[in-house]
Amino acid sequence: MSDREYKVLIVEDEKIIASALASRLQNQGLSTRIVSDGNQAMDQVRDFLPDLVILDLMLPGKDGIVIAKEIRESDISTSILMLTARDDEADMLTGFSVGADDYVTKPFSPRELMARVNAILRRTDKSSSEQGAKNHQEIIEVGNLYMNSAEVKAVYNGKELYLTPTEFELLSLLASNQKKVFSRSQLLKAVWDWENAHETRTVDSHVKSIRKKSGDPKIIKTHHGYGYSFSG
């Protein structure tokens, strides 16, 4: 990652977990702030302007889903890593549908969580470093899909798709390599920048979210036992 100090807001009501996370993040040179009440979360997001929000799903006051929606509807650009005590795919899909970039289920290993945090911040670094070199007018037009990377705009069958940044990057990668089948591990490395890409449900849940938002379950084709390709 770059030498600049990244800021992480921890929205977590379990004090032991929040303190342990803050300590581990600070040991890696990250600036942290903790908020334990969901009703205060957005005020802290606006004041602290974090690069990453680690957001618990179950909170007093507003829950994590409501807070994630508010973040995405604001003009604040930040990544969201959701935490939940429930290992339920429906929760994962809901979290991704409101703009979460990644998802970790409690109890989690500190090592796994830090790997997710570092991957998100590496993607932030990568995006910033490419900002000047990238052609911001890059257009993808494949079948009924239109994507404009400058405007972060995607239209499918005449309908604008309101994708999260991660969903946009995933769909863009698949659509710009229409004939290529990507394994889940390849997608995790290319889109999520995970060094040890072994978790597959993250990819599956993002694919399901894109299918749901597009209204077309066939926009992304599943190659059973391997991965995905664009077929829209």
C-alpha atoms as a PDB file:
ATOM      1  CA  MET A   1       0.000   0.000   0.000  1.00  0.00           C
ATOM      2  CA  SER A   2       1.009   3.644  -0.294  1.00  0.00           C
ATOM      3  CA  ASP A   3       2.693   5.614   2.470  1.00  0.00           C
ATOM      4  CA  ARG A   4      -0.337   7.759   3.232  1.00  0.00           C
ATOM      5  CA  GLU A   5      -2.248   7.101   6.452  1.00  0.00           C
ATOM      6  CA  TYR A   6      -5.533   5.362   5.854  1.00  0.00           C
ATOM      7  CA  LYS A   7      -8.504   5.967   8.134  1.00  0.00           C
ATOM      8  CA  VAL A   8     -10.814   3.193   9.296  1.00  0.00           C
ATOM      9  CA  LEU A   9     -14.100   3.760  11.128  1.00  0.00           C
ATOM     10  CA  ILE A  10     -15.203   0.790  13.248  1.00  0.00           C
ATOM     11  CA  VAL A  11     -18.973   0.693  13.814  1.00  0.00           C
ATOM     12  CA  GLU A  12     -19.297  -2.073  16.400  1.00  0.00           C
ATOM     13  CA  ASP A  13     -21.183  -2.227  19.715  1.00  0.00           C
ATOM     14  CA  GLU A  14     -19.169  -5.106  21.223  1.00  0.00           C
ATOM     15  CA  LYS A  15     -16.417  -3.205  23.015  1.00  0.00           C
ATOM     16  CA  ILE A  16     -13.935  -6.082  23.190  1.00  0.00           C
ATOM     17  CA  ILE A  17     -14.175  -6.718  19.435  1.00  0.00           C
ATOM     18  CA  ALA A  18     -14.014  -3.015  18.583  1.00  0.00           C
ATOM     19  CA  SER A  19     -10.973  -2.402  20.795  1.00  0.00           C
ATOM     20  CA  ALA A  20      -9.150  -5.459  19.468  1.00  0.00           C
ATOM     21  CA  LEU A  21      -9.802  -4.384  15.878  1.00  0.00           C
ATOM     22  CA  ALA A  22      -8.643  -0.837  16.548  1.00  0.00           C
ATOM     23  CA  SER A  23      -5.439  -2.073  18.202  1.00  0.00           C
ATOM     24  CA  ARG A  24      -4.603  -4.407  15.332  1.00  0.00           C
ATOM     25  CA  LEU A  25      -5.322  -1.731  12.715  1.00  0.00           C
ATOM     26  CA  GLN A  26      -3.257   0.860  14.583  1.00  0.00           C
ATOM     27  CA  ASN A  27      -0.355  -1.576  14.748  1.00  0.00           C
ATOM     28  CA  GLN A  28      -0.406  -1.540  10.950  1.00  0.00           C
ATOM     29  CA  GLY A  29      -0.215   2.238  10.878  1.00  0.00           C
ATOM     30  CA  LEU A  30      -3.907   2.896  10.248  1.00  0.00           C
ATOM     31  CA  SER A  31      -5.832   5.696  11.932  1.00  0.00           C
ATOM     32  CA  THR A  32      -8.999   4.428  13.630  1.00  0.00           C
ATOM     33  CA  ARG A  33     -12.137   5.670  15.291  1.00  0.00           C
ATOM     34  CA  ILE A  34     -14.848   3.634  17.049  1.00  0.00           C
ATOM     35  CA  VAL A  35     -18.582   4.286  17.226  1.00  0.00           C
ATOM     36  CA  SER A  36     -20.913   1.875  19.047  1.00  0.00           C
ATOM     37  CA  ASP A  37     -24.346   3.312  18.268  1.00  0.00           C
ATOM     38  CA  GLY A  38     -25.849   3.057  14.800  1.00  0.00           C
ATOM     39  CA  ASN A  39     -27.609   6.396  15.234  1.00  0.00           C
ATOM     40  CA  GLN A  40     -24.226   8.133  15.478  1.00  0.00           C
ATOM     41  CA  ALA A  41     -22.551   6.308  12.606  1.00  0.00           C
ATOM     42  CA  MET A  42     -23.296   8.720   9.757  1.00  0.00           C
ATOM     43  CA  ASP A  43     -22.199  11.739  11.788  1.00  0.00           C
ATOM     44  CA  GLN A  44     -18.856   9.986  12.341  1.00  0.00           C
ATOM     45  CA  VAL A  45     -18.576   9.021   8.655  1.00  0.00           C
ATOM     46  CA  ARG A  46     -19.080  12.654   7.633  1.00  0.00           C
ATOM     47  CA  ASP A  47     -16.687  13.973  10.267  1.00  0.00           C
ATOM     48  CA  PHE A  48     -13.911  11.346   9.966  1.00  0.00           C
ATOM     49  CA  LEU A  49     -14.192  10.709   6.190  1.00  0.00           C
ATOM     50  CA  PRO A  50     -12.772   7.172   6.472  1.00  0.00           C
ATOM     51  CA  ASP A  51     -11.260   5.177   3.625  1.00  0.00           C
ATOM     52  CA  LEU A  52     -12.955   2.088   5.046  1.00  0.00           C
ATOM     53  CA  VAL A  53     -15.929   1.480   7.335  1.00  0.00           C
ATOM     54  CA  ILE A  54     -15.970  -1.819   9.239  1.00  0.00           C
ATOM     55  CA  LEU A  55     -19.695  -2.068   9.877  1.00  0.00           C
ATOM     56  CA  ASP A  56     -21.468  -4.519  12.169  1.00  0.00           C
ATOM     57  CA  LEU A  57     -24.839  -5.704  10.881  1.00  0.00           C
ATOM     58  CA  MET A  58     -26.571  -5.800  14.267  1.00  0.00           C
ATOM     59  CA  LEU A  59     -26.316  -2.491  16.142  1.00  0.00           C
ATOM     60  CA  PRO A  60     -28.332  -0.481  18.653  1.00  0.00           C
ATOM     61  CA  GLY A  61     -30.229   2.279  16.883  1.00  0.00           C
ATOM     62  CA  LYS A  62     -29.842   1.999  13.114  1.00  0.00           C
ATOM     63  CA  ASP A  63     -28.635  -1.368  11.858  1.00  0.00           C
ATOM     64  CA  GLY A  64     -25.769  -1.905   9.439  1.00  0.00           C
ATOM     65  CA  ILE A  65     -28.023  -2.261   6.397  1.00  0.00           C
ATOM     66  CA  VAL A  66     -29.598   1.159   6.963  1.00  0.00           C
ATOM     67  CA  ILE A  67     -26.191   2.749   7.576  1.00  0.00           C
ATOM     68  CA  ALA A  68     -24.712   1.183   4.412  1.00  0.00           C
ATOM     69  CA  LYS A  69     -27.627   2.568   2.385  1.00  0.00           C
ATOM     70  CA  GLU A  70     -27.089   6.033   3.842  1.00  0.00           C
ATOM     71  CA  ILE A  71     -23.366   5.911   3.055  1.00  0.00           C
ATOM     72  CA  ARG A  72     -23.987   4.914  -0.564  1.00  0.00           C
ATOM     73  CA  GLU A  73     -26.677   7.588  -0.983  1.00  0.00           C
ATOM     74  CA  SER A  74     -24.288  10.276   0.307  1.00  0.00           C
ATOM     75  CA  ASP A  75     -21.476  11.927  -1.630  1.00  0.00           C
ATOM     76  CA  ILE A  76     -18.884  10.171   0.549  1.00  0.00           C
ATOM     77  CA  SER A  77     -16.662   7.647  -1.205  1.00  0.00           C
ATOM     78  CA  THR A  78     -15.632   4.900   1.213  1.00  0.00           C
ATOM     79  CA  SER A  79     -15.369   1.131   1.183  1.00  0.00           C
ATOM     80  CA  ILE A  80     -17.588  -0.969   3.449  1.00  0.00           C
ATOM     81  CA  LEU A  81     -16.654  -4.244   5.142  1.00  0.00           C
ATOM     82  CA  MET A  82     -19.662  -5.762   6.907  1.00  0.00           C
ATOM     83  CA  LEU A  83     -19.542  -7.960  10.009  1.00  0.00           C
ATOM     84  CA  THR A  84     -22.314 -10.281  11.117  1.00  0.00           C
ATOM     85  CA  ALA A  85     -22.850 -13.018  13.660  1.00  0.00           C
ATOM     86  CA  ARG A  86     -25.124 -14.857  11.239  1.00  0.00           C
ATOM     87  CA  ASP A  87     -23.739 -17.099   8.514  1.00  0.00           C
ATOM     88  CA  ASP A  88     -26.695 -16.661   6.185  1.00  0.00           C
ATOM     89  CA  GLU A  89     -26.435 -16.168   2.425  1.00  0.00           C
ATOM     90  CA  ALA A  90     -29.550 -13.973   2.507  1.00  0.00           C
ATOM     91  CA  ASP A  91     -27.696 -11.602   4.841  1.00  0.00           C
ATOM     92  CA  MET A  92     -24.719 -11.596   2.489  1.00  0.00           C
ATOM     93  CA  LEU A  93     -26.894 -10.753  -0.510  1.00  0.00           C
ATOM     94  CA  THR A  94     -28.650  -7.996   1.415  1.00  0.00           C
ATOM     95  CA  GLY A  95     -25.324  -6.533   2.485  1.00  0.00           C
ATOM     96  CA  PHE A  96     -23.937  -6.592  -1.048  1.00  0.00           C
ATOM     97  CA  SER A  97     -27.173  -5.185  -2.483  1.00  0.00           C
ATOM     98  CA  VAL A  98     -26.838  -2.033  -0.373  1.00  0.00           C
ATOM     99  CA  GLY A  99     -23.201  -1.493  -1.272  1.00  0.00           C
ATOM    100  CA  ALA A 100     -20.938  -3.589   0.949  1.00  0.00           C
ATOM    101  CA  ASP A 101     -17.586  -4.398  -0.670  1.00  0.00           C
ATOM    102  CA  ASP A 102     -16.916  -7.454   1.440  1.00  0.00           C
ATOM    103  CA  TYR A 103     -18.413  -9.491   4.253  1.00  0.00           C
ATOM    104  CA  VAL A 104     -16.963 -11.373   7.239  1.00  0.00           C
ATOM    105  CA  THR A 105     -18.908 -13.674   9.556  1.00  0.00           C
ATOM    106  CA  LYS A 106     -18.312 -13.759  13.305  1.00  0.00           C
ATOM    107  CA  PRO A 107     -16.442 -15.421  14.844  1.00  0.00           C
ATOM    108  CA  PHE A 108     -13.609 -14.534  12.490  1.00  0.00           C
ATOM    109  CA  SER A 109      -9.874 -14.893  12.788  1.00  0.00           C
ATOM    110  CA  PRO A 110      -8.032 -11.568  13.153  1.00  0.00           C
ATOM    111  CA  ARG A 111      -5.683 -12.733  10.401  1.00  0.00           C
ATOM    112  CA  GLU A 112      -8.561 -13.266   7.964  1.00  0.00           C
ATOM    113  CA  LEU A 113     -10.112  -9.900   8.777  1.00  0.00           C
ATOM    114  CA  MET A 114      -6.814  -8.073   8.288  1.00  0.00           C
ATOM    115  CA  ALA A 115      -6.341  -9.852   4.958  1.00  0.00           C
ATOM    116  CA  ARG A 116      -9.731  -8.513   3.857  1.00  0.00           C
ATOM    117  CA  VAL A 117      -8.942  -5.012   5.117  1.00  0.00           C
ATOM    118  CA  ASN A 118      -5.566  -4.950   3.363  1.00  0.00           C
ATOM    119  CA  ALA A 119      -7.097  -6.214   0.119  1.00  0.00           C
ATOM    120  CA  ILE A 120      -9.708  -3.440   0.173  1.00  0.00           C
ATOM    121  CA  LEU A 121      -7.066  -0.786   0.847  1.00  0.00           C
ATOM    122  CA  ARG A 122      -4.818  -2.183  -1.907  1.00  0.00           C
ATOM    123  CA  ARG A 123      -7.737  -1.792  -4.301  1.00  0.00           C
ATOM    124  CA  THR A 124      -8.121   1.787  -3.116  1.00  0.00           C
ATOM    125  CA  ASP A 125      -4.424   2.341  -3.825  1.00  0.00           C
ATOM    126  CA  LYS A 126      -4.705   0.713  -7.230  1.00  0.00           C
ATOM    127  CA  SER A 127      -7.726   2.793  -8.170  1.00  0.00           C
ATOM    128  CA  SER A 128      -5.995   6.020  -7.143  1.00  0.00           C
ATOM    129  CA  SER A 129      -2.758   5.235  -8.979  1.00  0.00           C
ATOM    130  CA  GLU A 130      -4.630   4.397 -12.167  1.00  0.00           C
ATOM    131  CA  GLN A 131      -6.791   7.506 -12.007  1.00  0.00           C
ATOM    132  CA  GLY A 132      -4.521   9.597 -14.201  1.00  0.00           C
ATOM    133  CA  ALA A 133      -3.421   6.873 -16.589  1.00  0.00           C
ATOM    134  CA  LYS A 134      -6.793   5.265 -17.211  1.00  0.00           C
ATOM    135  CA  ASN A 135      -8.913   6.272 -20.143  1.00  0.00           C
ATOM    136  CA  HIS A 136     -11.959   7.566 -18.307  1.00  0.00           C
ATOM    137  CA  GLN A 137     -14.055   7.518 -21.451  1.00  0.00           C
ATOM    138  CA  GLU A 138     -13.697   3.760 -21.828  1.00  0.00           C
ATOM    139  CA  ILE A 139     -16.951   2.389 -23.179  1.00  0.00           C
ATOM    140  CA  ILE A 140     -18.040  -1.237 -23.156  1.00  0.00           C
ATOM    141  CA  GLU A 141     -20.909  -2.184 -25.442  1.00  0.00           C
ATOM    142  CA  VAL A 142     -21.676  -5.890 -25.571  1.00  0.00           C
ATOM    143  CA  GLY A 143     -25.098  -7.150 -26.603  1.00  0.00           C
ATOM    144  CA  ASN A 144     -27.656  -5.271 -24.507  1.00  0.00           C
ATOM    145  CA  LEU A 145     -25.078  -3.978 -22.042  1.00  0.00           C
ATOM    146  CA  TYR A 146     -23.572  -0.483 -22.093  1.00  0.00           C
ATOM    147  CA  MET A 147     -20.933   0.540 -19.542  1.00  0.00           C
ATOM    148  CA  ASN A 148     -19.151   3.886 -19.193  1.00  0.00           C
ATOM    149  CA  SER A 149     -16.267   3.748 -16.731  1.00  0.00           C
ATOM    150  CA  ALA A 150     -15.935   7.543 -16.607  1.00  0.00           C
ATOM    151  CA  GLU A 151     -19.480   7.944 -15.346  1.00  0.00           C
ATOM    152  CA  VAL A 152     -19.509   4.591 -13.518  1.00  0.00           C
ATOM    153  CA  LYS A 153     -22.701   3.952 -15.438  1.00  0.00           C
ATOM    154  CA  ALA A 154     -24.139   0.632 -16.551  1.00  0.00           C
ATOM    155  CA  VAL A 155     -27.275   0.176 -18.659  1.00  0.00           C
ATOM    156  CA  TYR A 156     -28.773  -3.212 -19.501  1.00  0.00           C
ATOM    157  CA  ASN A 157     -31.790  -3.682 -21.780  1.00  0.00           C
ATOM    158  CA  GLY A 158     -32.407   0.061 -21.541  1.00  0.00           C
ATOM    159  CA  LYS A 159     -32.459   0.012 -17.728  1.00  0.00           C
ATOM    160  CA  GLU A 160     -29.779   1.703 -15.652  1.00  0.00           C
ATOM    161  CA  LEU A 161     -28.202  -0.630 -13.124  1.00  0.00           C
ATOM    162  CA  TYR A 162     -27.292   0.845  -9.761  1.00  0.00           C
ATOM    163  CA  LEU A 163     -24.231  -1.265  -9.034  1.00  0.00           C
ATOM    164  CA  THR A 164     -21.808  -1.024  -6.155  1.00  0.00           C
ATOM    165  CA  PRO A 165     -18.188  -0.199  -7.122  1.00  0.00           C
ATOM    166  CA  THR A 166     -17.241  -3.867  -6.709  1.00  0.00           C
ATOM    167  CA  GLU A 167     -20.198  -5.076  -8.784  1.00  0.00           C
ATOM    168  CA  PHE A 168     -19.329  -2.563 -11.497  1.00  0.00           C
ATOM    169  CA  GLU A 169     -15.725  -3.749 -11.612  1.00  0.00           C
ATOM    170  CA  LEU A 170     -16.781  -7.404 -11.693  1.00  0.00           C
ATOM    171  CA  LEU A 171     -19.307  -6.909 -14.494  1.00  0.00           C
ATOM    172  CA  SER A 172     -16.867  -4.727 -16.435  1.00  0.00           C
ATOM    173  CA  LEU A 173     -14.168  -7.409 -16.255  1.00  0.00           C
ATOM    174  CA  LEU A 174     -16.510 -10.158 -17.423  1.00  0.00           C
ATOM    175  CA  ALA A 175     -18.100  -8.068 -20.183  1.00  0.00           C
ATOM    176  CA  SER A 176     -14.770  -6.852 -21.561  1.00  0.00           C
ATOM    177  CA  ASN A 177     -13.596 -10.471 -21.796  1.00  0.00           C
ATOM    178  CA  GLN A 178     -16.805 -11.874 -23.181  1.00  0.00           C
ATOM    179  CA  LYS A 179     -15.475 -15.207 -24.396  1.00  0.00           C
ATOM    180  CA  LYS A 180     -13.335 -15.919 -21.344  1.00  0.00           C
ATOM    181  CA  VAL A 181     -14.408 -18.094 -18.431  1.00  0.00           C
ATOM    182  CA  PHE A 182     -12.994 -16.863 -15.123  1.00  0.00           C
ATOM    183  CA  SER A 183     -12.572 -19.140 -12.152  1.00  0.00           C
ATOM    184  CA  ARG A 184     -13.710 -17.810  -8.800  1.00  0.00           C
ATOM    185  CA  SER A 185     -10.090 -17.620  -7.669  1.00  0.00           C
ATOM    186  CA  GLN A 186      -9.168 -15.566 -10.743  1.00  0.00           C
ATOM    187  CA  LEU A 187     -12.048 -13.175 -10.057  1.00  0.00           C
ATOM    188  CA  LEU A 188     -11.101 -12.815  -6.396  1.00  0.00           C
ATOM    189  CA  LYS A 189      -7.549 -11.913  -7.400  1.00  0.00           C
ATOM    190  CA  ALA A 190      -8.547  -9.579 -10.251  1.00  0.00           C
ATOM    191  CA  VAL A 191     -11.443  -7.731  -8.606  1.00  0.00           C
ATOM    192  CA  TRP A 192     -10.897  -8.111  -4.862  1.00  0.00           C
ATOM    193  CA  ASP A 193      -7.092  -8.258  -5.031  1.00  0.00           C
ATOM    194  CA  TRP A 194      -6.970 -11.137  -2.581  1.00  0.00           C
ATOM    195  CA  GLU A 195      -3.538 -12.683  -2.416  1.00  0.00           C
ATOM    196  CA  ASN A 196      -4.861 -16.001  -1.112  1.00  0.00           C
ATOM    197  CA  ALA A 197      -8.070 -16.398  -3.079  1.00  0.00           C
ATOM    198  CA  HIS A 198      -9.955 -19.334  -1.623  1.00  0.00           C
ATOM    199  CA  GLU A 199     -13.301 -17.917  -0.457  1.00  0.00           C
ATOM    200  CA  THR A 200     -15.869 -18.484  -3.212  1.00  0.00           C
ATOM    201  CA  ARG A 201     -19.147 -17.301  -1.708  1.00  0.00           C
ATOM    202  CA  THR A 202     -18.121 -13.670  -2.004  1.00  0.00           C
ATOM    203  CA  VAL A 203     -17.997 -14.012  -5.798  1.00  0.00           C
ATOM    204  CA  ASP A 204     -21.207 -16.052  -5.925  1.00  0.00           C
ATOM    205  CA  SER A 205     -23.100 -13.489  -3.850  1.00  0.00           C
ATOM    206  CA  HIS A 206     -21.940 -10.568  -6.022  1.00  0.00           C
ATOM    207  CA  VAL A 207     -22.964 -12.471  -9.160  1.00  0.00           C
ATOM    208  CA  LYS A 208     -26.421 -13.112  -7.681  1.00  0.00           C
ATOM    209  CA  SER A 209     -26.755  -9.438  -6.818  1.00  0.00           C
ATOM    210  CA  ILE A 210     -25.858  -8.380 -10.386  1.00  0.00           C
ATOM    211  CA  ARG A 211     -28.363 -10.877 -11.792  1.00  0.00           C
ATOM    212  CA  LYS A 212     -31.062  -9.562  -9.481  1.00  0.00           C
ATOM    213  CA  LYS A 213     -30.392  -5.915 -10.309  1.00  0.00           C
ATOM    214  CA  SER A 214     -30.313  -6.612 -14.063  1.00  0.00           C
ATOM    215  CA  GLY A 215     -33.501  -8.655 -13.933  1.00  0.00           C
ATOM    216  CA  ASP A 216     -31.780 -11.312 -16.041  1.00  0.00           C
ATOM    217  CA  PRO A 217     -30.486 -14.491 -14.371  1.00  0.00           C
ATOM    218  CA  LYS A 218     -28.584 -15.282 -17.585  1.00  0.00           C
ATOM    219  CA  ILE A 219     -26.546 -12.066 -17.807  1.00  0.00           C
ATOM    220  CA  ILE A 220     -23.681 -13.979 -16.184  1.00  0.00           C
ATOM    221  CA  LYS A 221     -23.324 -17.652 -17.049  1.00  0.00           C
ATOM    222  CA  THR A 222     -22.314 -20.212 -14.448  1.00  0.00           C
ATOM    223  CA  HIS A 223     -19.781 -22.810 -15.524  1.00  0.00           C
ATOM    224  CA  HIS A 224     -20.368 -25.467 -12.888  1.00  0.00           C
ATOM    225  CA  GLY A 225     -17.258 -26.550 -11.065  1.00  0.00           C
ATOM    226  CA  TYR A 226     -15.221 -23.688 -12.508  1.00  0.00           C
ATOM    227  CA  GLY A 227     -16.560 -20.145 -12.557  1.00  0.00           C
ATOM    228  CA  TYR A 228     -18.345 -17.491 -14.587  1.00  0.00           C
ATOM    229  CA  SER A 229     -18.486 -15.713 -17.934  1.00  0.00           C
ATOM    230  CA  PHE A 230     -20.535 -12.869 -19.368  1.00  0.00           C
ATOM    231  CA  SER A 231     -23.375 -13.984 -21.608  1.00  0.00           C
ATOM    232  CA  GLY A 232     -25.730 -11.007 -21.671  1.00  0.00           C
END
